[in-house]
Amino acid sequence: MIVRLLLFAAAREAAGRSRDEFELTAGAPLERLLAAAVERYGEPFALVLATARVWVNGDEPAADGATALGEDDEIAVLPPVSGGALARPATESGRSDGALLAFDRSCASSGSHSYGACSSRPSQSRC
């Protein structure tokens, strides 16, 4: 069976691509796909994966690494997004307003599932 791996932010940089396909045996567990991805992309990807969230078809996997994958499943590797406290005072023109970012499945579409990053401030959200 073929599954699609979607790579965001630091995972994309470590792998050198934003998406890839893997051929696995039917019902293979998620952990087998992730091991194959580490083998393909190397140690930099393994380091990112250690802190990333992994979603299967737009949701967190019910059985974690043991989750059985199916034909045409879409697996997204979502590293943490940095943000934080207000570092500088807000300006009239600025994005120095301390807005935080969070992944929200309703923001951007990739294939048949959605992923994205949105501002925590509704007035600045582009979703």
PDB file of N, CA and C in Angstrom:
ATOM      1  N   MET A   1       0.849  -1.181   0.000  1.00  0.00           N
ATOM      2  CA  MET A   1       0.000   0.000   0.000  1.00  0.00           C
ATOM      3  C   MET A   1       0.890   1.238   0.000  1.00  0.00           C
ATOM      4  N   ILE A   2       0.355   2.333  -0.490  1.00  0.00           N
ATOM      5  CA  ILE A   2       1.073   3.607  -0.533  1.00  0.00           C
ATOM      6  C   ILE A   2       0.445   4.561   0.483  1.00  0.00           C
ATOM      7  N   VAL A   3       1.291   5.197   1.301  1.00  0.00           N
ATOM      8  CA  VAL A   3       0.846   6.247   2.217  1.00  0.00           C
ATOM      9  C   VAL A   3       1.643   7.505   1.911  1.00  0.00           C
ATOM     10  N   ARG A   4       1.039   8.664   2.184  1.00  0.00           N
ATOM     11  CA  ARG A   4       1.696   9.950   1.942  1.00  0.00           C
ATOM     12  C   ARG A   4       2.167  10.560   3.262  1.00  0.00           C
ATOM     13  N   LEU A   5       3.390  11.034   3.267  1.00  0.00           N
ATOM     14  CA  LEU A   5       3.958  11.702   4.427  1.00  0.00           C
ATOM     15  C   LEU A   5       4.074  13.184   4.110  1.00  0.00           C
ATOM     16  N   LEU A   6       3.453  14.013   4.933  1.00  0.00           N
ATOM     17  CA  LEU A   6       3.512  15.468   4.780  1.00  0.00           C
ATOM     18  C   LEU A   6       4.437  16.017   5.854  1.00  0.00           C
ATOM     19  N   LEU A   7       5.366  16.865   5.450  1.00  0.00           N
ATOM     20  CA  LEU A   7       6.386  17.374   6.362  1.00  0.00           C
ATOM     21  C   LEU A   7       6.290  18.889   6.444  1.00  0.00           C
ATOM     22  N   PHE A   8       6.185  19.395   7.656  1.00  0.00           N
ATOM     23  CA  PHE A   8       6.023  20.825   7.880  1.00  0.00           C
ATOM     24  C   PHE A   8       7.214  21.395   8.632  1.00  0.00           C
ATOM     25  N   ALA A   9       7.489  22.667   8.393  1.00  0.00           N
ATOM     26  CA  ALA A   9       8.481  23.457   9.140  1.00  0.00           C
ATOM     27  C   ALA A   9       9.829  22.733   9.226  1.00  0.00           C
ATOM     28  N   ALA A  10      10.325  22.502  10.440  1.00  0.00           N
ATOM     29  CA  ALA A  10      11.651  21.902  10.631  1.00  0.00           C
ATOM     30  C   ALA A  10      11.726  20.484  10.068  1.00  0.00           C
ATOM     31  N   ALA A  11      10.622  19.754  10.064  1.00  0.00           N
ATOM     32  CA  ALA A  11      10.617  18.404   9.479  1.00  0.00           C
ATOM     33  C   ALA A  11      10.858  18.486   7.978  1.00  0.00           C
ATOM     34  N   ARG A  12      10.244  19.469   7.342  1.00  0.00           N
ATOM     35  CA  ARG A  12      10.448  19.690   5.903  1.00  0.00           C
ATOM     36  C   ARG A  12      11.910  20.035   5.619  1.00  0.00           C
ATOM     37  N   GLU A  13      12.481  20.895   6.433  1.00  0.00           N
ATOM     38  CA  GLU A  13      13.880  21.290   6.246  1.00  0.00           C
ATOM     39  C   GLU A  13      14.824  20.109   6.454  1.00  0.00           C
ATOM     40  N   ALA A  14      14.570  19.309   7.485  1.00  0.00           N
ATOM     41  CA  ALA A  14      15.446  18.167   7.778  1.00  0.00           C
ATOM     42  C   ALA A  14      15.379  17.110   6.681  1.00  0.00           C
ATOM     43  N   ALA A  15      14.189  16.919   6.105  1.00  0.00           N
ATOM     44  CA  ALA A  15      14.014  15.897   5.068  1.00  0.00           C
ATOM     45  C   ALA A  15      14.371  16.421   3.677  1.00  0.00           C
ATOM     46  N   GLY A  16      14.356  17.739   3.514  1.00  0.00           N
ATOM     47  CA  GLY A  16      14.649  18.312   2.210  1.00  0.00           C
ATOM     48  C   GLY A  16      13.486  18.248   1.234  1.00  0.00           C
ATOM     49  N   ARG A  17      12.285  18.044   1.750  1.00  0.00           N
ATOM     50  CA  ARG A  17      11.084  17.986   0.913  1.00  0.00           C
ATOM     51  C   ARG A  17       9.862  18.193   1.794  1.00  0.00           C
ATOM     52  N   SER A  18       8.753  18.541   1.172  1.00  0.00           N
ATOM     53  CA  SER A  18       7.530  18.798   1.938  1.00  0.00           C
ATOM     54  C   SER A  18       6.581  17.611   1.952  1.00  0.00           C
ATOM     55  N   ARG A  19       6.803  16.662   1.055  1.00  0.00           N
ATOM     56  CA  ARG A  19       5.955  15.465   1.030  1.00  0.00           C
ATOM     57  C   ARG A  19       6.714  14.323   0.399  1.00  0.00           C
ATOM     58  N   ASP A  20       6.252  13.123   0.719  1.00  0.00           N
ATOM     59  CA  ASP A  20       6.879  11.940   0.160  1.00  0.00           C
ATOM     60  C   ASP A  20       5.859  10.811   0.217  1.00  0.00           C
ATOM     61  N   GLU A  21       6.143   9.746  -0.504  1.00  0.00           N
ATOM     62  CA  GLU A  21       5.293   8.559  -0.465  1.00  0.00           C
ATOM     63  C   GLU A  21       6.134   7.370  -0.040  1.00  0.00           C
ATOM     64  N   PHE A  22       5.505   6.478   0.709  1.00  0.00           N
ATOM     65  CA  PHE A  22       6.166   5.267   1.177  1.00  0.00           C
ATOM     66  C   PHE A  22       5.284   4.075   0.828  1.00  0.00           C
ATOM     67  N   GLU A  23       5.923   3.008   0.412  1.00  0.00           N
ATOM     68  CA  GLU A  23       5.201   1.765   0.166  1.00  0.00           C
ATOM     69  C   GLU A  23       5.414   0.860   1.372  1.00  0.00           C
ATOM     70  N   LEU A  24       4.303   0.454   1.988  1.00  0.00           N
ATOM     71  CA  LEU A  24       4.339  -0.397   3.174  1.00  0.00           C
ATOM     72  C   LEU A  24       3.405  -1.579   2.964  1.00  0.00           C
ATOM     73  N   THR A  25       3.558  -2.593   3.794  1.00  0.00           N
ATOM     74  CA  THR A  25       2.614  -3.699   3.751  1.00  0.00           C
ATOM     75  C   THR A  25       1.278  -3.241   4.328  1.00  0.00           C
ATOM     76  N   ALA A  26       0.189  -3.823   3.863  1.00  0.00           N
ATOM     77  CA  ALA A  26      -1.151  -3.450   4.334  1.00  0.00           C
ATOM     78  C   ALA A  26      -1.237  -3.575   5.851  1.00  0.00           C
ATOM     79  N   GLY A  27      -1.784  -2.543   6.490  1.00  0.00           N
ATOM     80  CA  GLY A  27      -1.959  -2.554   7.938  1.00  0.00           C
ATOM     81  C   GLY A  27      -0.704  -2.285   8.739  1.00  0.00           C
ATOM     82  N   ALA A  28       0.370  -1.869   8.078  1.00  0.00           N
ATOM     83  CA  ALA A  28       1.624  -1.577   8.790  1.00  0.00           C
ATOM     84  C   ALA A  28       1.373  -0.514   9.859  1.00  0.00           C
ATOM     85  N   PRO A  29       2.060  -0.627  10.998  1.00  0.00           N
ATOM     86  CA  PRO A  29       1.874   0.378  12.051  1.00  0.00           C
ATOM     87  C   PRO A  29       2.572   1.694  11.709  1.00  0.00           C
ATOM     88  N   LEU A  30       2.062   2.751  12.275  1.00  0.00           N
ATOM     89  CA  LEU A  30       2.637   4.082  12.100  1.00  0.00           C
ATOM     90  C   LEU A  30       4.124   4.083  12.434  1.00  0.00           C
ATOM     91  N   GLU A  31       4.515   3.369  13.475  1.00  0.00           N
ATOM     92  CA  GLU A  31       5.929   3.366  13.873  1.00  0.00           C
ATOM     93  C   GLU A  31       6.826   2.809  12.760  1.00  0.00           C
ATOM     94  N   ARG A  32       6.319   1.911  11.929  1.00  0.00           N
ATOM     95  CA  ARG A  32       7.120   1.390  10.819  1.00  0.00           C
ATOM     96  C   ARG A  32       7.360   2.487   9.780  1.00  0.00           C
ATOM     97  N   LEU A  33       6.317   3.274   9.494  1.00  0.00           N
ATOM     98  CA  LEU A  33       6.490   4.391   8.565  1.00  0.00           C
ATOM     99  C   LEU A  33       7.508   5.386   9.104  1.00  0.00           C
ATOM    100  N   LEU A  34       7.406   5.718  10.380  1.00  0.00           N
ATOM    101  CA  LEU A  34       8.321   6.707  10.957  1.00  0.00           C
ATOM    102  C   LEU A  34       9.755   6.194  10.963  1.00  0.00           C
ATOM    103  N   ALA A  35       9.942   4.906  11.207  1.00  0.00           N
ATOM    104  CA  ALA A  35      11.285   4.323  11.155  1.00  0.00           C
ATOM    105  C   ALA A  35      11.830   4.388   9.726  1.00  0.00           C
ATOM    106  N   ALA A  36      10.984   4.120   8.747  1.00  0.00           N
ATOM    107  CA  ALA A  36      11.411   4.201   7.344  1.00  0.00           C
ATOM    108  C   ALA A  36      11.776   5.635   6.969  1.00  0.00           C
ATOM    109  N   ALA A  37      11.027   6.603   7.505  1.00  0.00           N
ATOM    110  CA  ALA A  37      11.325   8.010   7.226  1.00  0.00           C
ATOM    111  C   ALA A  37      12.663   8.407   7.854  1.00  0.00           C
ATOM    112  N   VAL A  38      12.930   7.957   9.067  1.00  0.00           N
ATOM    113  CA  VAL A  38      14.220   8.250   9.711  1.00  0.00           C
ATOM    114  C   VAL A  38      15.351   7.622   8.905  1.00  0.00           C
ATOM    115  N   GLU A  39      15.143   6.405   8.418  1.00  0.00           N
ATOM    116  CA  GLU A  39      16.164   5.749   7.602  1.00  0.00           C
ATOM    117  C   GLU A  39      16.424   6.531   6.305  1.00  0.00           C
ATOM    118  N   ARG A  40      15.350   7.038   5.711  1.00  0.00           N
ATOM    119  CA  ARG A  40      15.473   7.763   4.444  1.00  0.00           C
ATOM    120  C   ARG A  40      16.102   9.149   4.637  1.00  0.00           C
ATOM    121  N   TYR A  41      15.717   9.857   5.689  1.00  0.00           N
ATOM    122  CA  TYR A  41      16.137  11.259   5.854  1.00  0.00           C
ATOM    123  C   TYR A  41      17.283  11.468   6.835  1.00  0.00           C
ATOM    124  N   GLY A  42      17.579  10.496   7.683  1.00  0.00           N
ATOM    125  CA  GLY A  42      18.735  10.588   8.562  1.00  0.00           C
ATOM    126  C   GLY A  42      18.494  11.208   9.933  1.00  0.00           C
ATOM    127  N   GLU A  43      19.596  11.396  10.628  1.00  0.00           N
ATOM    128  CA  GLU A  43      19.593  11.871  12.015  1.00  0.00           C
ATOM    129  C   GLU A  43      18.933  13.243  12.203  1.00  0.00           C
ATOM    130  N   PRO A  44      19.150  14.214  11.309  1.00  0.00           N
ATOM    131  CA  PRO A  44      18.472  15.506  11.509  1.00  0.00           C
ATOM    132  C   PRO A  44      16.945  15.342  11.580  1.00  0.00           C
ATOM    133  N   PHE A  45      16.405  14.473  10.756  1.00  0.00           N
ATOM    134  CA  PHE A  45      14.956  14.233  10.787  1.00  0.00           C
ATOM    135  C   PHE A  45      14.565  13.525  12.086  1.00  0.00           C
ATOM    136  N   ALA A  46      15.372  12.578  12.542  1.00  0.00           N
ATOM    137  CA  ALA A  46      15.083  11.872  13.795  1.00  0.00           C
ATOM    138  C   ALA A  46      15.001  12.849  14.964  1.00  0.00           C
ATOM    139  N   LEU A  47      15.887  13.839  14.977  1.00  0.00           N
ATOM    140  CA  LEU A  47      15.873  14.830  16.061  1.00  0.00           C
ATOM    141  C   LEU A  47      14.598  15.663  16.033  1.00  0.00           C
ATOM    142  N   VAL A  48      14.155  16.039  14.858  1.00  0.00           N
ATOM    143  CA  VAL A  48      12.901  16.803  14.735  1.00  0.00           C
ATOM    144  C   VAL A  48      11.722  15.930  15.133  1.00  0.00           C
ATOM    145  N   LEU A  49      11.705  14.700  14.662  1.00  0.00           N
ATOM    146  CA  LEU A  49      10.598  13.779  14.932  1.00  0.00           C
ATOM    147  C   LEU A  49      10.414  13.547  16.434  1.00  0.00           C
ATOM    148  N   ALA A  50      11.504  13.583  17.190  1.00  0.00           N
ATOM    149  CA  ALA A  50      11.439  13.343  18.637  1.00  0.00           C
ATOM    150  C   ALA A  50      10.556  14.356  19.364  1.00  0.00           C
ATOM    151  N   THR A  51      10.379  15.546  18.798  1.00  0.00           N
ATOM    152  CA  THR A  51       9.563  16.571  19.457  1.00  0.00           C
ATOM    153  C   THR A  51       8.297  16.927  18.670  1.00  0.00           C
ATOM    154  N   ALA A  52       8.084  16.240  17.561  1.00  0.00           N
ATOM    155  CA  ALA A  52       6.964  16.580  16.676  1.00  0.00           C
ATOM    156  C   ALA A  52       5.692  15.837  17.069  1.00  0.00           C
ATOM    157  N   ARG A  53       4.560  16.405  16.655  1.00  0.00           N
ATOM    158  CA  ARG A  53       3.275  15.705  16.709  1.00  0.00           C
ATOM    159  C   ARG A  53       3.107  15.002  15.377  1.00  0.00           C
ATOM    160  N   VAL A  54       2.478  13.864  15.392  1.00  0.00           N
ATOM    161  CA  VAL A  54       2.209  13.111  14.170  1.00  0.00           C
ATOM    162  C   VAL A  54       0.712  12.855  14.105  1.00  0.00           C
ATOM    163  N   TRP A  55       0.106  13.249  13.007  1.00  0.00           N
ATOM    164  CA  TRP A  55      -1.328  13.048  12.799  1.00  0.00           C
ATOM    165  C   TRP A  55      -1.536  12.115  11.623  1.00  0.00           C
ATOM    166  N   VAL A  56      -2.578  11.317  11.722  1.00  0.00           N
ATOM    167  CA  VAL A  56      -2.967  10.411  10.642  1.00  0.00           C
ATOM    168  C   VAL A  56      -4.326  10.867  10.145  1.00  0.00           C
ATOM    169  N   ASN A  57      -4.388  11.228   8.889  1.00  0.00           N
ATOM    170  CA  ASN A  57      -5.638  11.692   8.267  1.00  0.00           C
ATOM    171  C   ASN A  57      -6.297  12.829   9.046  1.00  0.00           C
ATOM    172  N   GLY A  58      -5.467  13.745   9.538  1.00  0.00           N
ATOM    173  CA  GLY A  58      -5.979  14.942  10.182  1.00  0.00           C
ATOM    174  C   GLY A  58      -6.286  14.807  11.656  1.00  0.00           C
ATOM    175  N   ASP A  59      -5.996  13.663  12.253  1.00  0.00           N
ATOM    176  CA  ASP A  59      -6.258  13.455  13.684  1.00  0.00           C
ATOM    177  C   ASP A  59      -5.064  12.797  14.350  1.00  0.00           C
ATOM    178  N   GLU A  60      -4.992  12.978  15.673  1.00  0.00           N
ATOM    179  CA  GLU A  60      -3.952  12.267  16.409  1.00  0.00           C
ATOM    180  C   GLU A  60      -4.266  10.782  16.339  1.00  0.00           C
ATOM    181  N   PRO A  61      -3.245   9.939  16.157  1.00  0.00           N
ATOM    182  CA  PRO A  61      -3.493   8.509  16.030  1.00  0.00           C
ATOM    183  C   PRO A  61      -4.013   7.904  17.332  1.00  0.00           C
ATOM    184  N   ALA A  62      -5.061   7.100  17.227  1.00  0.00           N
ATOM    185  CA  ALA A  62      -5.718   6.527  18.403  1.00  0.00           C
ATOM    186  C   ALA A  62      -4.788   5.604  19.190  1.00  0.00           C
ATOM    187  N   ALA A  63      -3.952   4.855  18.514  1.00  0.00           N
ATOM    188  CA  ALA A  63      -3.079   3.886  19.183  1.00  0.00           C
ATOM    189  C   ALA A  63      -1.608   4.289  19.097  1.00  0.00           C
ATOM    190  N   ASP A  64      -1.352   5.583  18.975  1.00  0.00           N
ATOM    191  CA  ASP A  64       0.014   6.100  18.858  1.00  0.00           C
ATOM    192  C   ASP A  64       0.777   5.366  17.747  1.00  0.00           C
ATOM    193  N   GLY A  65       1.984   4.911  18.024  1.00  0.00           N
ATOM    194  CA  GLY A  65       2.814   4.267  17.015  1.00  0.00           C
ATOM    195  C   GLY A  65       2.275   2.941  16.515  1.00  0.00           C
ATOM    196  N   ALA A  66       1.385   2.332  17.280  1.00  0.00           N
ATOM    197  CA  ALA A  66       0.808   1.046  16.883  1.00  0.00           C
ATOM    198  C   ALA A  66      -0.391   1.212  15.945  1.00  0.00           C
ATOM    199  N   THR A  67      -0.790   2.427  15.671  1.00  0.00           N
ATOM    200  CA  THR A  67      -1.936   2.679  14.791  1.00  0.00           C
ATOM    201  C   THR A  67      -1.681   2.062  13.420  1.00  0.00           C
ATOM    202  N   ALA A  68      -2.615   1.224  12.981  1.00  0.00           N
ATOM    203  CA  ALA A  68      -2.493   0.579  11.672  1.00  0.00           C
ATOM    204  C   ALA A  68      -2.803   1.590  10.580  1.00  0.00           C
ATOM    205  N   LEU A  69      -1.968   1.613   9.574  1.00  0.00           N
ATOM    206  CA  LEU A  69      -2.159   2.519   8.445  1.00  0.00           C
ATOM    207  C   LEU A  69      -2.872   1.784   7.307  1.00  0.00           C
ATOM    208  N   GLY A  70      -3.573   2.564   6.502  1.00  0.00           N
ATOM    209  CA  GLY A  70      -4.283   2.011   5.367  1.00  0.00           C
ATOM    210  C   GLY A  70      -3.870   2.684   4.072  1.00  0.00           C
ATOM    211  N   GLU A  71      -4.278   2.093   2.966  1.00  0.00           N
ATOM    212  CA  GLU A  71      -3.989   2.627   1.631  1.00  0.00           C
ATOM    213  C   GLU A  71      -4.414   4.086   1.548  1.00  0.00           C
ATOM    214  N   ASP A  72      -3.539   4.919   1.003  1.00  0.00           N
ATOM    215  CA  ASP A  72      -3.783   6.346   0.785  1.00  0.00           C
ATOM    216  C   ASP A  72      -3.901   7.178   2.056  1.00  0.00           C
ATOM    217  N   ASP A  73      -3.497   6.632   3.202  1.00  0.00           N
ATOM    218  CA  ASP A  73      -3.501   7.445   4.421  1.00  0.00           C
ATOM    219  C   ASP A  73      -2.519   8.597   4.246  1.00  0.00           C
ATOM    220  N   GLU A  74      -2.809   9.674   4.955  1.00  0.00           N
ATOM    221  CA  GLU A  74      -1.981  10.876   4.918  1.00  0.00           C
ATOM    222  C   GLU A  74      -1.461  11.116   6.330  1.00  0.00           C
ATOM    223  N   ILE A  75      -0.147  11.081   6.491  1.00  0.00           N
ATOM    224  CA  ILE A  75       0.487  11.228   7.789  1.00  0.00           C
ATOM    225  C   ILE A  75       1.247  12.546   7.789  1.00  0.00           C
ATOM    226  N   ALA A  76       0.953  13.393   8.757  1.00  0.00           N
ATOM    227  CA  ALA A  76       1.583  14.713   8.846  1.00  0.00           C
ATOM    228  C   ALA A  76       2.518  14.765  10.045  1.00  0.00           C
ATOM    229  N   VAL A  77       3.729  15.268   9.818  1.00  0.00           N
ATOM    230  CA  VAL A  77       4.698  15.484  10.893  1.00  0.00           C
ATOM    231  C   VAL A  77       4.710  16.980  11.165  1.00  0.00           C
ATOM    232  N   LEU A  78       4.281  17.344  12.384  1.00  0.00           N
ATOM    233  CA  LEU A  78       4.083  18.739  12.765  1.00  0.00           C
ATOM    234  C   LEU A  78       5.008  19.097  13.930  1.00  0.00           C
ATOM    235  N   PRO A  79       6.174  19.656  13.642  1.00  0.00           N
ATOM    236  CA  PRO A  79       7.075  20.067  14.722  1.00  0.00           C
ATOM    237  C   PRO A  79       6.467  21.212  15.532  1.00  0.00           C
ATOM    238  N   PRO A  80       6.963  21.403  16.739  1.00  0.00           N
ATOM    239  CA  PRO A  80       6.469  22.529  17.533  1.00  0.00           C
ATOM    240  C   PRO A  80       6.708  23.847  16.804  1.00  0.00           C
ATOM    241  N   VAL A  81       5.801  24.763  16.976  1.00  0.00           N
ATOM    242  CA  VAL A  81       5.931  26.094  16.395  1.00  0.00           C
ATOM    243  C   VAL A  81       6.318  27.030  17.524  1.00  0.00           C
ATOM    244  N   SER A  82       7.365  27.804  17.303  1.00  0.00           N
ATOM    245  CA  SER A  82       7.763  28.713  18.369  1.00  0.00           C
ATOM    246  C   SER A  82       6.939  29.977  18.299  1.00  0.00           C
ATOM    247  N   GLY A  83       6.812  30.585  19.374  1.00  0.00           N
ATOM    248  CA  GLY A  83       6.089  31.836  19.526  1.00  0.00           C
ATOM    249  C   GLY A  83       6.454  32.314  20.911  1.00  0.00           C
ATOM    250  N   GLY A  84       5.655  33.085  21.496  1.00  0.00           N
ATOM    251  CA  GLY A  84       5.962  33.407  22.872  1.00  0.00           C
ATOM    252  C   GLY A  84       5.473  34.749  23.302  1.00  0.00           C
ATOM    253  N   ALA A  85       6.049  35.178  24.379  1.00  0.00           N
ATOM    254  CA  ALA A  85       5.624  36.402  25.033  1.00  0.00           C
ATOM    255  C   ALA A  85       6.028  37.619  24.216  1.00  0.00           C
ATOM    256  N   LEU A  86       5.375  38.687  24.526  1.00  0.00           N
ATOM    257  CA  LEU A  86       5.653  39.961  23.869  1.00  0.00           C
ATOM    258  C   LEU A  86       7.102  40.345  24.101  1.00  0.00           C
ATOM    259  N   ALA A  87       7.858  40.430  23.030  1.00  0.00           N
ATOM    260  CA  ALA A  87       9.270  40.771  23.140  1.00  0.00           C
ATOM    261  C   ALA A  87       9.492  42.265  23.007  1.00  0.00           C
ATOM    262  N   ARG A  88       8.633  42.922  22.222  1.00  0.00           N
ATOM    263  CA  ARG A  88       8.742  44.363  21.997  1.00  0.00           C
ATOM    264  C   ARG A  88       7.338  44.938  22.085  1.00  0.00           C
ATOM    265  N   PRO A  89       7.238  46.217  22.366  1.00  0.00           N
ATOM    266  CA  PRO A  89       5.908  46.822  22.381  1.00  0.00           C
ATOM    267  C   PRO A  89       5.284  46.769  20.990  1.00  0.00           C
ATOM    268  N   ALA A  90       3.981  46.693  20.949  1.00  0.00           N
ATOM    269  CA  ALA A  90       3.269  46.699  19.666  1.00  0.00           C
ATOM    270  C   ALA A  90       3.477  48.030  18.969  1.00  0.00           C
ATOM    271  N   THR A  91       3.526  47.978  17.653  1.00  0.00           N
ATOM    272  CA  THR A  91       3.648  49.199  16.875  1.00  0.00           C
ATOM    273  C   THR A  91       2.464  49.285  15.934  1.00  0.00           C
ATOM    274  N   GLU A  92       2.203  50.452  15.407  1.00  0.00           N
ATOM    275  CA  GLU A  92       1.080  50.620  14.500  1.00  0.00           C
ATOM    276  C   GLU A  92       1.216  49.761  13.255  1.00  0.00           C
ATOM    277  N   SER A  93       2.427  49.574  12.766  1.00  0.00           N
ATOM    278  CA  SER A  93       2.623  48.812  11.546  1.00  0.00           C
ATOM    279  C   SER A  93       2.880  47.350  11.829  1.00  0.00           C
ATOM    280  N   GLY A  94       3.046  47.011  13.097  1.00  0.00           N
ATOM    281  CA  GLY A  94       3.826  45.847  13.366  1.00  0.00           C
ATOM    282  C   GLY A  94       3.202  44.519  13.612  1.00  0.00           C
ATOM    283  N   ARG A  95       4.070  43.618  13.442  1.00  0.00           N
ATOM    284  CA  ARG A  95       3.835  42.255  13.853  1.00  0.00           C
ATOM    285  C   ARG A  95       4.661  41.990  15.099  1.00  0.00           C
ATOM    286  N   SER A  96       5.110  43.034  15.783  1.00  0.00           N
ATOM    287  CA  SER A  96       5.818  42.835  17.042  1.00  0.00           C
ATOM    288  C   SER A  96       4.797  42.860  18.169  1.00  0.00           C
ATOM    289  N   ASP A  97       3.659  42.196  17.930  1.00  0.00           N
ATOM    290  CA  ASP A  97       2.546  42.237  18.862  1.00  0.00           C
ATOM    291  C   ASP A  97       2.457  41.009  19.760  1.00  0.00           C
ATOM    292  N   GLY A  98       3.433  40.098  19.643  1.00  0.00           N
ATOM    293  CA  GLY A  98       3.457  38.937  20.510  1.00  0.00           C
ATOM    294  C   GLY A  98       2.422  37.891  20.163  1.00  0.00           C
ATOM    295  N   ALA A  99       1.868  37.938  18.978  1.00  0.00           N
ATOM    296  CA  ALA A  99       0.878  36.932  18.597  1.00  0.00           C
ATOM    297  C   ALA A  99       1.515  35.555  18.645  1.00  0.00           C
ATOM    298  N   LEU A 100       0.759  34.605  19.115  1.00  0.00           N
ATOM    299  CA  LEU A 100       1.216  33.221  19.169  1.00  0.00           C
ATOM    300  C   LEU A 100       0.648  32.453  17.993  1.00  0.00           C
ATOM    301  N   LEU A 101       1.323  31.425  17.601  1.00  0.00           N
ATOM    302  CA  LEU A 101       0.835  30.577  16.519  1.00  0.00           C
ATOM    303  C   LEU A 101       0.505  29.208  17.079  1.00  0.00           C
ATOM    304  N   ALA A 102      -0.518  28.588  16.515  1.00  0.00           N
ATOM    305  CA  ALA A 102      -0.884  27.235  16.915  1.00  0.00           C
ATOM    306  C   ALA A 102      -1.392  26.490  15.702  1.00  0.00           C
ATOM    307  N   PHE A 103      -1.142  25.192  15.649  1.00  0.00           N
ATOM    308  CA  PHE A 103      -1.668  24.414  14.531  1.00  0.00           C
ATOM    309  C   PHE A 103      -3.159  24.235  14.701  1.00  0.00           C
ATOM    310  N   ASP A 104      -3.847  24.393  13.629  1.00  0.00           N
ATOM    311  CA  ASP A 104      -5.297  24.270  13.620  1.00  0.00           C
ATOM    312  C   ASP A 104      -5.682  23.577  12.332  1.00  0.00           C
ATOM    313  N   ARG A 105      -6.309  22.414  12.439  1.00  0.00           N
ATOM    314  CA  ARG A 105      -6.622  21.631  11.258  1.00  0.00           C
ATOM    315  C   ARG A 105      -7.583  22.328  10.310  1.00  0.00           C
ATOM    316  N   SER A 106      -8.201  23.411  10.715  1.00  0.00           N
ATOM    317  CA  SER A 106      -9.163  24.064   9.841  1.00  0.00           C
ATOM    318  C   SER A 106      -8.550  25.159   8.976  1.00  0.00           C
ATOM    319  N   CYS A 107      -7.259  25.358   9.037  1.00  0.00           N
ATOM    320  CA  CYS A 107      -6.644  26.503   8.360  1.00  0.00           C
ATOM    321  C   CYS A 107      -6.293  26.262   6.899  1.00  0.00           C
ATOM    322  N   ALA A 108      -5.450  25.327   6.627  1.00  0.00           N
ATOM    323  CA  ALA A 108      -4.957  25.147   5.260  1.00  0.00           C
ATOM    324  C   ALA A 108      -5.195  23.716   4.828  1.00  0.00           C
ATOM    325  N   SER A 109      -5.406  23.542   3.578  1.00  0.00           N
ATOM    326  CA  SER A 109      -5.707  22.222   3.059  1.00  0.00           C
ATOM    327  C   SER A 109      -4.493  21.620   2.392  1.00  0.00           C
ATOM    328  N   SER A 110      -4.295  20.344   2.612  1.00  0.00           N
ATOM    329  CA  SER A 110      -3.238  19.599   1.943  1.00  0.00           C
ATOM    330  C   SER A 110      -3.810  18.237   1.608  1.00  0.00           C
ATOM    331  N   GLY A 111      -4.125  18.037   0.365  1.00  0.00           N
ATOM    332  CA  GLY A 111      -4.785  16.789  -0.005  1.00  0.00           C
ATOM    333  C   GLY A 111      -6.198  16.803   0.521  1.00  0.00           C
ATOM    334  N   SER A 112      -6.583  15.735   1.188  1.00  0.00           N
ATOM    335  CA  SER A 112      -7.955  15.650   1.686  1.00  0.00           C
ATOM    336  C   SER A 112      -8.085  16.063   3.139  1.00  0.00           C
ATOM    337  N   HIS A 113      -6.981  16.490   3.764  1.00  0.00           N
ATOM    338  CA  HIS A 113      -7.005  16.889   5.172  1.00  0.00           C
ATOM    339  C   HIS A 113      -6.402  18.279   5.302  1.00  0.00           C
ATOM    340  N   SER A 114      -6.679  18.925   6.417  1.00  0.00           N
ATOM    341  CA  SER A 114      -6.245  20.311   6.571  1.00  0.00           C
ATOM    342  C   SER A 114      -5.286  20.462   7.735  1.00  0.00           C
ATOM    343  N   TYR A 115      -4.296  21.304   7.529  1.00  0.00           N
ATOM    344  CA  TYR A 115      -3.307  21.631   8.545  1.00  0.00           C
ATOM    345  C   TYR A 115      -2.929  23.086   8.329  1.00  0.00           C
ATOM    346  N   GLY A 116      -2.429  23.735   9.352  1.00  0.00           N
ATOM    347  CA  GLY A 116      -1.977  25.094   9.144  1.00  0.00           C
ATOM    348  C   GLY A 116      -1.593  25.754  10.438  1.00  0.00           C
ATOM    349  N   ALA A 117      -1.169  26.962  10.327  1.00  0.00           N
ATOM    350  CA  ALA A 117      -0.816  27.743  11.503  1.00  0.00           C
ATOM    351  C   ALA A 117      -1.626  29.025  11.462  1.00  0.00           C
ATOM    352  N   CYS A 118      -2.189  29.376  12.581  1.00  0.00           N
ATOM    353  CA  CYS A 118      -3.046  30.550  12.653  1.00  0.00           C
ATOM    354  C   CYS A 118      -2.621  31.419  13.823  1.00  0.00           C
ATOM    355  N   SER A 119      -2.870  32.674  13.713  1.00  0.00           N
ATOM    356  CA  SER A 119      -2.616  33.589  14.807  1.00  0.00           C
ATOM    357  C   SER A 119      -3.610  33.318  15.920  1.00  0.00           C
ATOM    358  N   SER A 120      -3.150  33.458  17.161  1.00  0.00           N
ATOM    359  CA  SER A 120      -4.057  33.292  18.284  1.00  0.00           C
ATOM    360  C   SER A 120      -4.948  34.512  18.459  1.00  0.00           C
ATOM    361  N   ARG A 121      -4.670  35.545  17.715  1.00  0.00           N
ATOM    362  CA  ARG A 121      -5.488  36.749  17.774  1.00  0.00           C
ATOM    363  C   ARG A 121      -6.460  36.709  16.610  1.00  0.00           C
ATOM    364  N   PRO A 122      -7.749  36.561  16.897  1.00  0.00           N
ATOM    365  CA  PRO A 122      -8.737  36.408  15.822  1.00  0.00           C
ATOM    366  C   PRO A 122      -8.685  37.489  14.756  1.00  0.00           C
ATOM    367  N   SER A 123      -8.387  38.710  15.148  1.00  0.00           N
ATOM    368  CA  SER A 123      -8.366  39.797  14.164  1.00  0.00           C
ATOM    369  C   SER A 123      -7.215  39.660  13.183  1.00  0.00           C
ATOM    370  N   GLN A 124      -6.216  38.829  13.523  1.00  0.00           N
ATOM    371  CA  GLN A 124      -5.063  38.682  12.633  1.00  0.00           C
ATOM    372  C   GLN A 124      -5.019  37.306  12.000  1.00  0.00           C
ATOM    373  N   SER A 125      -5.993  36.482  12.284  1.00  0.00           N
ATOM    374  CA  SER A 125      -6.005  35.141  11.709  1.00  0.00           C
ATOM    375  C   SER A 125      -6.243  35.209  10.228  1.00  0.00           C
ATOM    376  N   ARG A 126      -5.551  34.401   9.472  1.00  0.00           N
ATOM    377  CA  ARG A 126      -5.724  34.349   8.024  1.00  0.00           C
ATOM    378  C   ARG A 126      -6.398  33.057   7.607  1.00  0.00           C
ATOM    379  N   CYS A 127      -7.019  32.379   8.541  1.00  0.00           N
ATOM    380  CA  CYS A 127      -7.652  31.102   8.261  1.00  0.00           C
ATOM    381  C   CYS A 127      -8.988  31.289   7.581  1.00  0.00           C
TER     382      CYS A 127
END
